[in-house]
Every structure is written in C-alpha cells, then in structure tokens.
PDB file of all heavy atoms in Angstrom:
ATOM      1  N   SER A   1       4.374   2.877 -10.304  1.00  0.00           N
ATOM      2  CA  SER A   1       4.208   1.553 -10.918  1.00  0.00           C
ATOM      3  C   SER A   1       3.987   1.655 -12.410  1.00  0.00           C
ATOM      4  O   SER A   1       4.462   0.829 -13.194  1.00  0.00           O
ATOM      5  CB  SER A   1       3.046   0.867 -10.219  1.00  0.00           C
ATOM      6  OG  SER A   1       2.817  -0.414 -10.780  1.00  0.00           O
ATOM      7  N   ALA A   2       3.238   2.641 -12.835  1.00  0.00           N
ATOM      8  CA  ALA A   2       2.929   2.786 -14.274  1.00  0.00           C
ATOM      9  C   ALA A   2       4.205   3.037 -15.097  1.00  0.00           C
ATOM     10  O   ALA A   2       4.257   2.777 -16.297  1.00  0.00           O
ATOM     11  CB  ALA A   2       1.939   3.985 -14.496  1.00  0.00           C
ATOM     12  N   GLN A   3       5.262   3.545 -14.442  1.00  0.00           N
ATOM     13  CA  GLN A   3       6.547   3.827 -15.082  1.00  0.00           C
ATOM     14  C   GLN A   3       7.544   2.667 -14.870  1.00  0.00           C
ATOM     15  O   GLN A   3       8.731   2.833 -15.098  1.00  0.00           O
ATOM     16  CB  GLN A   3       7.056   5.120 -14.631  1.00  0.00           C
ATOM     17  CG  GLN A   3       6.189   6.337 -14.995  1.00  0.00           C
ATOM     18  CD  GLN A   3       6.003   6.461 -16.451  1.00  0.00           C
ATOM     19  OE1 GLN A   3       6.882   6.328 -17.245  1.00  0.00           O
ATOM     20  NE2 GLN A   3       4.772   6.782 -16.840  1.00  0.00           N
ATOM     21  N   GLY A   4       7.056   1.613 -14.260  1.00  0.00           N
ATOM     22  CA  GLY A   4       7.935   0.437 -14.079  1.00  0.00           C
ATOM     23  C   GLY A   4       8.687   0.412 -12.793  1.00  0.00           C
ATOM     24  O   GLY A   4       9.651  -0.423 -12.693  1.00  0.00           O
ATOM     25  N   THR A   5       8.414   1.258 -11.825  1.00  0.00           N
ATOM     26  CA  THR A   5       9.117   1.274 -10.524  1.00  0.00           C
ATOM     27  C   THR A   5       8.161   0.803  -9.516  1.00  0.00           C
ATOM     28  O   THR A   5       7.107   1.336  -9.263  1.00  0.00           O
ATOM     29  CB  THR A   5       9.569   2.694 -10.186  1.00  0.00           C
ATOM     30  OG1 THR A   5      10.484   3.102 -11.212  1.00  0.00           O
ATOM     31  CG2 THR A   5      10.236   2.731  -8.860  1.00  0.00           C
ATOM     32  N   GLU A   6       8.519  -0.331  -8.784  1.00  0.00           N
ATOM     33  CA  GLU A   6       7.678  -0.869  -7.725  1.00  0.00           C
ATOM     34  C   GLU A   6       8.181  -0.425  -6.407  1.00  0.00           C
ATOM     35  O   GLU A   6       9.261  -0.940  -5.948  1.00  0.00           O
ATOM     36  CB  GLU A   6       7.653  -2.396  -7.823  1.00  0.00           C
ATOM     37  CG  GLU A   6       6.676  -3.053  -6.812  1.00  0.00           C
ATOM     38  CD  GLU A   6       6.599  -4.508  -6.999  1.00  0.00           C
ATOM     39  OE1 GLU A   6       6.537  -4.998  -8.132  1.00  0.00           O
ATOM     40  OE2 GLU A   6       6.599  -5.256  -5.940  1.00  0.00           O
ATOM     41  N   PRO A   7       7.477   0.427  -5.715  1.00  0.00           N
ATOM     42  CA  PRO A   7       7.995   0.870  -4.380  1.00  0.00           C
ATOM     43  C   PRO A   7       7.661  -0.034  -3.295  1.00  0.00           C
ATOM     44  O   PRO A   7       6.790  -0.926  -3.383  1.00  0.00           O
ATOM     45  CB  PRO A   7       7.250   2.208  -4.226  1.00  0.00           C
ATOM     46  CG  PRO A   7       5.932   1.959  -4.926  1.00  0.00           C
ATOM     47  CD  PRO A   7       6.215   1.054  -6.094  1.00  0.00           C
ATOM     48  N   VAL A   8       8.308   0.153  -2.148  1.00  0.00           N
ATOM     49  CA  VAL A   8       7.914  -0.524  -0.880  1.00  0.00           C
ATOM     50  C   VAL A   8       7.021   0.540  -0.214  1.00  0.00           C
ATOM     51  O   VAL A   8       7.397   1.643  -0.072  1.00  0.00           O
ATOM     52  CB  VAL A   8       9.125  -0.787  -0.010  1.00  0.00           C
ATOM     53  CG1 VAL A   8       8.668  -1.272   1.427  1.00  0.00           C
ATOM     54  CG2 VAL A   8       9.986  -1.908  -0.621  1.00  0.00           C
ATOM     55  N   ILE A   9       5.830   0.105   0.214  1.00  0.00           N
ATOM     56  CA  ILE A   9       4.828   0.987   0.775  1.00  0.00           C
ATOM     57  C   ILE A   9       4.658   0.564   2.250  1.00  0.00           C
ATOM     58  O   ILE A   9       4.190  -0.552   2.493  1.00  0.00           O
ATOM     59  CB  ILE A   9       3.520   0.953   0.060  1.00  0.00           C
ATOM     60  CG1 ILE A   9       3.740   1.137  -1.449  1.00  0.00           C
ATOM     61  CG2 ILE A   9       2.569   1.963   0.586  1.00  0.00           C
ATOM     62  CD1 ILE A   9       2.622   0.653  -2.366  1.00  0.00           C
ATOM     63  N   VAL A  10       4.949   1.437   3.151  1.00  0.00           N
ATOM     64  CA  VAL A  10       4.744   1.120   4.630  1.00  0.00           C
ATOM     65  C   VAL A  10       3.608   2.024   5.117  1.00  0.00           C
ATOM     66  O   VAL A  10       3.756   3.223   5.049  1.00  0.00           O
ATOM     67  CB  VAL A  10       5.993   1.352   5.368  1.00  0.00           C
ATOM     68  CG1 VAL A  10       5.820   0.879   6.819  1.00  0.00           C
ATOM     69  CG2 VAL A  10       7.216   0.581   4.794  1.00  0.00           C
ATOM     70  N   ALA A  11       2.574   1.395   5.594  1.00  0.00           N
ATOM     71  CA  ALA A  11       1.415   2.085   6.025  1.00  0.00           C
ATOM     72  C   ALA A  11       1.238   1.885   7.582  1.00  0.00           C
ATOM     73  O   ALA A  11       1.240   0.763   8.041  1.00  0.00           O
ATOM     74  CB  ALA A  11       0.172   1.635   5.309  1.00  0.00           C
ATOM     75  N   GLY A  12       1.051   2.983   8.267  1.00  0.00           N
ATOM     76  CA  GLY A  12       0.905   2.898   9.708  1.00  0.00           C
ATOM     77  C   GLY A  12      -0.512   3.211  10.144  1.00  0.00           C
ATOM     78  O   GLY A  12      -1.133   4.251   9.778  1.00  0.00           O
ATOM     79  N   TYR A  13      -1.145   2.310  10.885  1.00  0.00           N
ATOM     80  CA  TYR A  13      -2.503   2.407  11.345  1.00  0.00           C
ATOM     81  C   TYR A  13      -2.619   2.417  12.868  1.00  0.00           C
ATOM     82  O   TYR A  13      -1.705   2.026  13.580  1.00  0.00           O
ATOM     83  CB  TYR A  13      -3.334   1.232  10.827  1.00  0.00           C
ATOM     84  CG  TYR A  13      -3.358   1.065   9.330  1.00  0.00           C
ATOM     85  CD1 TYR A  13      -2.327   0.331   8.652  1.00  0.00           C
ATOM     86  CD2 TYR A  13      -4.350   1.676   8.557  1.00  0.00           C
ATOM     87  CE1 TYR A  13      -2.404   0.182   7.262  1.00  0.00           C
ATOM     88  CE2 TYR A  13      -4.390   1.478   7.165  1.00  0.00           C
ATOM     89  CZ  TYR A  13      -3.447   0.764   6.559  1.00  0.00           C
ATOM     90  OH  TYR A  13      -3.432   0.619   5.169  1.00  0.00           O
ATOM     91  N   ARG A  14      -3.775   2.827  13.371  1.00  0.00           N
ATOM     92  CA  ARG A  14      -4.056   2.704  14.776  1.00  0.00           C
ATOM     93  C   ARG A  14      -4.309   1.247  15.248  1.00  0.00           C
ATOM     94  O   ARG A  14      -3.821   0.896  16.263  1.00  0.00           O
ATOM     95  CB  ARG A  14      -5.309   3.578  15.168  1.00  0.00           C
ATOM     96  CG  ARG A  14      -5.073   5.052  14.976  1.00  0.00           C
ATOM     97  CD  ARG A  14      -6.452   5.787  15.283  1.00  0.00           C
ATOM     98  NE  ARG A  14      -6.253   7.256  15.184  1.00  0.00           N
ATOM     99  CZ  ARG A  14      -7.289   8.102  15.254  1.00  0.00           C
ATOM    100  NH1 ARG A  14      -8.526   7.659  15.455  1.00  0.00           N
ATOM    101  NH2 ARG A  14      -7.053   9.403  15.154  1.00  0.00           N
ATOM    102  N   ASP A  15      -5.052   0.557  14.372  1.00  0.00           N
ATOM    103  CA  ASP A  15      -5.490  -0.792  14.726  1.00  0.00           C
ATOM    104  C   ASP A  15      -5.601  -1.641  13.491  1.00  0.00           C
ATOM    105  O   ASP A  15      -5.014  -1.341  12.456  1.00  0.00           O
ATOM    106  CB  ASP A  15      -6.796  -0.791  15.542  1.00  0.00           C
ATOM    107  CG  ASP A  15      -7.910   0.073  14.852  1.00  0.00           C
ATOM    108  OD1 ASP A  15      -7.946   0.043  13.591  1.00  0.00           O
ATOM    109  OD2 ASP A  15      -8.652   0.734  15.528  1.00  0.00           O
ATOM    110  N   GLN A  16      -6.371  -2.732  13.579  1.00  0.00           N
ATOM    111  CA  GLN A  16      -6.449  -3.680  12.490  1.00  0.00           C
ATOM    112  C   GLN A  16      -7.316  -3.217  11.299  1.00  0.00           C
ATOM    113  O   GLN A  16      -7.503  -3.957  10.321  1.00  0.00           O
ATOM    114  CB  GLN A  16      -6.946  -5.036  12.986  1.00  0.00           C
ATOM    115  CG  GLN A  16      -8.463  -5.106  13.312  1.00  0.00           C
ATOM    116  CD  GLN A  16      -8.804  -4.628  14.654  1.00  0.00           C
ATOM    117  OE1 GLN A  16      -7.939  -4.033  15.358  1.00  0.00           O
ATOM    118  NE2 GLN A  16     -10.037  -4.894  15.110  1.00  0.00           N
ATOM    119  N   ASN A  17      -7.889  -2.011  11.387  1.00  0.00           N
ATOM    120  CA  ASN A  17      -8.703  -1.478  10.247  1.00  0.00           C
ATOM    121  C   ASN A  17      -7.742  -0.998   9.181  1.00  0.00           C
ATOM    122  O   ASN A  17      -7.428   0.222   9.115  1.00  0.00           O
ATOM    123  CB  ASN A  17      -9.613  -0.367  10.743  1.00  0.00           C
ATOM    124  CG  ASN A  17     -10.712  -0.895  11.559  1.00  0.00           C
ATOM    125  OD1 ASN A  17     -11.596  -1.634  11.106  1.00  0.00           O
ATOM    126  ND2 ASN A  17     -10.733  -0.527  12.836  1.00  0.00           N
ATOM    127  N   LEU A  18      -7.215  -1.878   8.318  1.00  0.00           N
ATOM    128  CA  LEU A  18      -6.189  -1.552   7.382  1.00  0.00           C
ATOM    129  C   LEU A  18      -6.786  -0.994   6.055  1.00  0.00           C
ATOM    130  O   LEU A  18      -6.714  -1.606   4.964  1.00  0.00           O
ATOM    131  CB  LEU A  18      -5.348  -2.776   7.057  1.00  0.00           C
ATOM    132  CG  LEU A  18      -4.780  -3.501   8.284  1.00  0.00           C
ATOM    133  CD1 LEU A  18      -3.948  -4.676   7.907  1.00  0.00           C
ATOM    134  CD2 LEU A  18      -3.972  -2.549   9.212  1.00  0.00           C
ATOM    135  N   PHE A  19      -7.430   0.165   6.146  1.00  0.00           N
ATOM    136  CA  PHE A  19      -8.031   0.757   4.940  1.00  0.00           C
ATOM    137  C   PHE A  19      -7.022   0.991   3.842  1.00  0.00           C
ATOM    138  O   PHE A  19      -5.944   1.435   4.154  1.00  0.00           O
ATOM    139  CB  PHE A  19      -8.805   1.994   5.287  1.00  0.00           C
ATOM    140  CG  PHE A  19      -8.006   3.105   5.941  1.00  0.00           C
ATOM    141  CD1 PHE A  19      -7.426   4.047   5.127  1.00  0.00           C
ATOM    142  CD2 PHE A  19      -7.833   3.192   7.316  1.00  0.00           C
ATOM    143  CE1 PHE A  19      -6.677   5.099   5.692  1.00  0.00           C
ATOM    144  CE2 PHE A  19      -7.081   4.193   7.843  1.00  0.00           C
ATOM    145  CZ  PHE A  19      -6.483   5.144   7.056  1.00  0.00           C
ATOM    146  N   LEU A  20      -7.398   0.707   2.675  1.00  0.00           N
ATOM    147  CA  LEU A  20      -6.590   0.936   1.413  1.00  0.00           C
ATOM    148  C   LEU A  20      -5.392  -0.029   1.238  1.00  0.00           C
ATOM    149  O   LEU A  20      -4.726   0.013   0.273  1.00  0.00           O
ATOM    150  CB  LEU A  20      -6.083   2.364   1.312  1.00  0.00           C
ATOM    151  CG  LEU A  20      -7.189   3.458   1.182  1.00  0.00           C
ATOM    152  CD1 LEU A  20      -6.470   4.854   1.127  1.00  0.00           C
ATOM    153  CD2 LEU A  20      -8.005   3.252  -0.068  1.00  0.00           C
ATOM    154  N   ALA A  21      -5.204  -0.965   2.224  1.00  0.00           N
ATOM    155  CA  ALA A  21      -4.019  -1.837   2.086  1.00  0.00           C
ATOM    156  C   ALA A  21      -4.111  -2.690   0.824  1.00  0.00           C
ATOM    157  O   ALA A  21      -3.123  -2.892   0.155  1.00  0.00           O
ATOM    158  CB  ALA A  21      -3.916  -2.767   3.335  1.00  0.00           C
ATOM    159  N   ASP A  22      -5.311  -3.206   0.505  1.00  0.00           N
ATOM    160  CA  ASP A  22      -5.453  -4.050  -0.692  1.00  0.00           C
ATOM    161  C   ASP A  22      -5.287  -3.217  -1.965  1.00  0.00           C
ATOM    162  O   ASP A  22      -4.642  -3.705  -2.974  1.00  0.00           O
ATOM    163  CB  ASP A  22      -6.831  -4.732  -0.727  1.00  0.00           C
ATOM    164  CG  ASP A  22      -6.991  -5.735   0.326  1.00  0.00           C
ATOM    165  OD1 ASP A  22      -5.944  -6.230   0.832  1.00  0.00           O
ATOM    166  OD2 ASP A  22      -8.145  -6.123   0.667  1.00  0.00           O
ATOM    167  N   ASP A  23      -5.666  -1.954  -1.956  1.00  0.00           N
ATOM    168  CA  ASP A  23      -5.523  -1.082  -3.142  1.00  0.00           C
ATOM    169  C   ASP A  23      -4.008  -0.827  -3.337  1.00  0.00           C
ATOM    170  O   ASP A  23      -3.487  -0.850  -4.473  1.00  0.00           O
ATOM    171  CB  ASP A  23      -6.274   0.256  -2.928  1.00  0.00           C
ATOM    172  CG  ASP A  23      -7.780   0.042  -2.835  1.00  0.00           C
ATOM    173  OD1 ASP A  23      -8.277  -0.456  -1.841  1.00  0.00           O
ATOM    174  OD2 ASP A  23      -8.418   0.378  -3.815  1.00  0.00           O
ATOM    175  N   LEU A  24      -3.328  -0.519  -2.247  1.00  0.00           N
ATOM    176  CA  LEU A  24      -1.946  -0.217  -2.300  1.00  0.00           C
ATOM    177  C   LEU A  24      -1.120  -1.448  -2.846  1.00  0.00           C
ATOM    178  O   LEU A  24      -0.150  -1.248  -3.574  1.00  0.00           O
ATOM    179  CB  LEU A  24      -1.411   0.125  -0.965  1.00  0.00           C
ATOM    180  CG  LEU A  24      -1.842   1.511  -0.400  1.00  0.00           C
ATOM    181  CD1 LEU A  24      -1.526   1.602   1.054  1.00  0.00           C
ATOM    182  CD2 LEU A  24      -1.186   2.611  -1.142  1.00  0.00           C
ATOM    183  N   ALA A  25      -1.519  -2.665  -2.499  1.00  0.00           N
ATOM    184  CA  ALA A  25      -0.804  -3.852  -2.881  1.00  0.00           C
ATOM    185  C   ALA A  25      -0.855  -4.091  -4.475  1.00  0.00           C
ATOM    186  O   ALA A  25      -0.045  -4.871  -4.920  1.00  0.00           O
ATOM    187  CB  ALA A  25      -1.445  -5.097  -2.185  1.00  0.00           C
ATOM    188  N   LYS A  26      -1.701  -3.410  -5.119  1.00  0.00           N
ATOM    189  CA  LYS A  26      -1.687  -3.537  -6.599  1.00  0.00           C
ATOM    190  C   LYS A  26      -0.449  -2.849  -7.214  1.00  0.00           C
ATOM    191  O   LYS A  26      -0.148  -3.134  -8.380  1.00  0.00           O
ATOM    192  CB  LYS A  26      -2.957  -2.865  -7.174  1.00  0.00           C
ATOM    193  CG  LYS A  26      -4.288  -3.438  -6.697  1.00  0.00           C
ATOM    194  CD  LYS A  26      -5.466  -2.641  -7.227  1.00  0.00           C
ATOM    195  CE  LYS A  26      -6.783  -3.078  -6.648  1.00  0.00           C
ATOM    196  NZ  LYS A  26      -7.891  -2.185  -7.110  1.00  0.00           N
ATOM    197  N   TYR A  27       0.170  -2.017  -6.446  1.00  0.00           N
ATOM    198  CA  TYR A  27       1.228  -1.170  -7.067  1.00  0.00           C
ATOM    199  C   TYR A  27       2.597  -1.287  -6.368  1.00  0.00           C
ATOM    200  O   TYR A  27       3.551  -0.576  -6.776  1.00  0.00           O
ATOM    201  CB  TYR A  27       0.807   0.328  -7.084  1.00  0.00           C
ATOM    202  CG  TYR A  27      -0.557   0.512  -7.720  1.00  0.00           C
ATOM    203  CD1 TYR A  27      -1.670   0.836  -6.986  1.00  0.00           C
ATOM    204  CD2 TYR A  27      -0.713   0.315  -9.089  1.00  0.00           C
ATOM    205  CE1 TYR A  27      -2.909   1.064  -7.583  1.00  0.00           C
ATOM    206  CE2 TYR A  27      -1.979   0.436  -9.717  1.00  0.00           C
ATOM    207  CZ  TYR A  27      -3.076   0.817  -8.903  1.00  0.00           C
ATOM    208  OH  TYR A  27      -4.266   0.970  -9.539  1.00  0.00           O
TER     209      TYR A  27
END
C-alpha cells in the first residue's frame, strides 16, 4: 500500500473472531 498498490486480502478464520481484519482493511 505504501508503494501505491492496493491488494485484495483474503483471510480465513475458524469462526467469527476476525482478529486483525480491521487493521488489514487500512491497506
């Protein structure tokens, strides 16, 4: 992101405890 490239980030979890999802959404 710092270099101007916005990736698609797919995160796989066991359940609804979506740790780091909000942090990832910044980039």
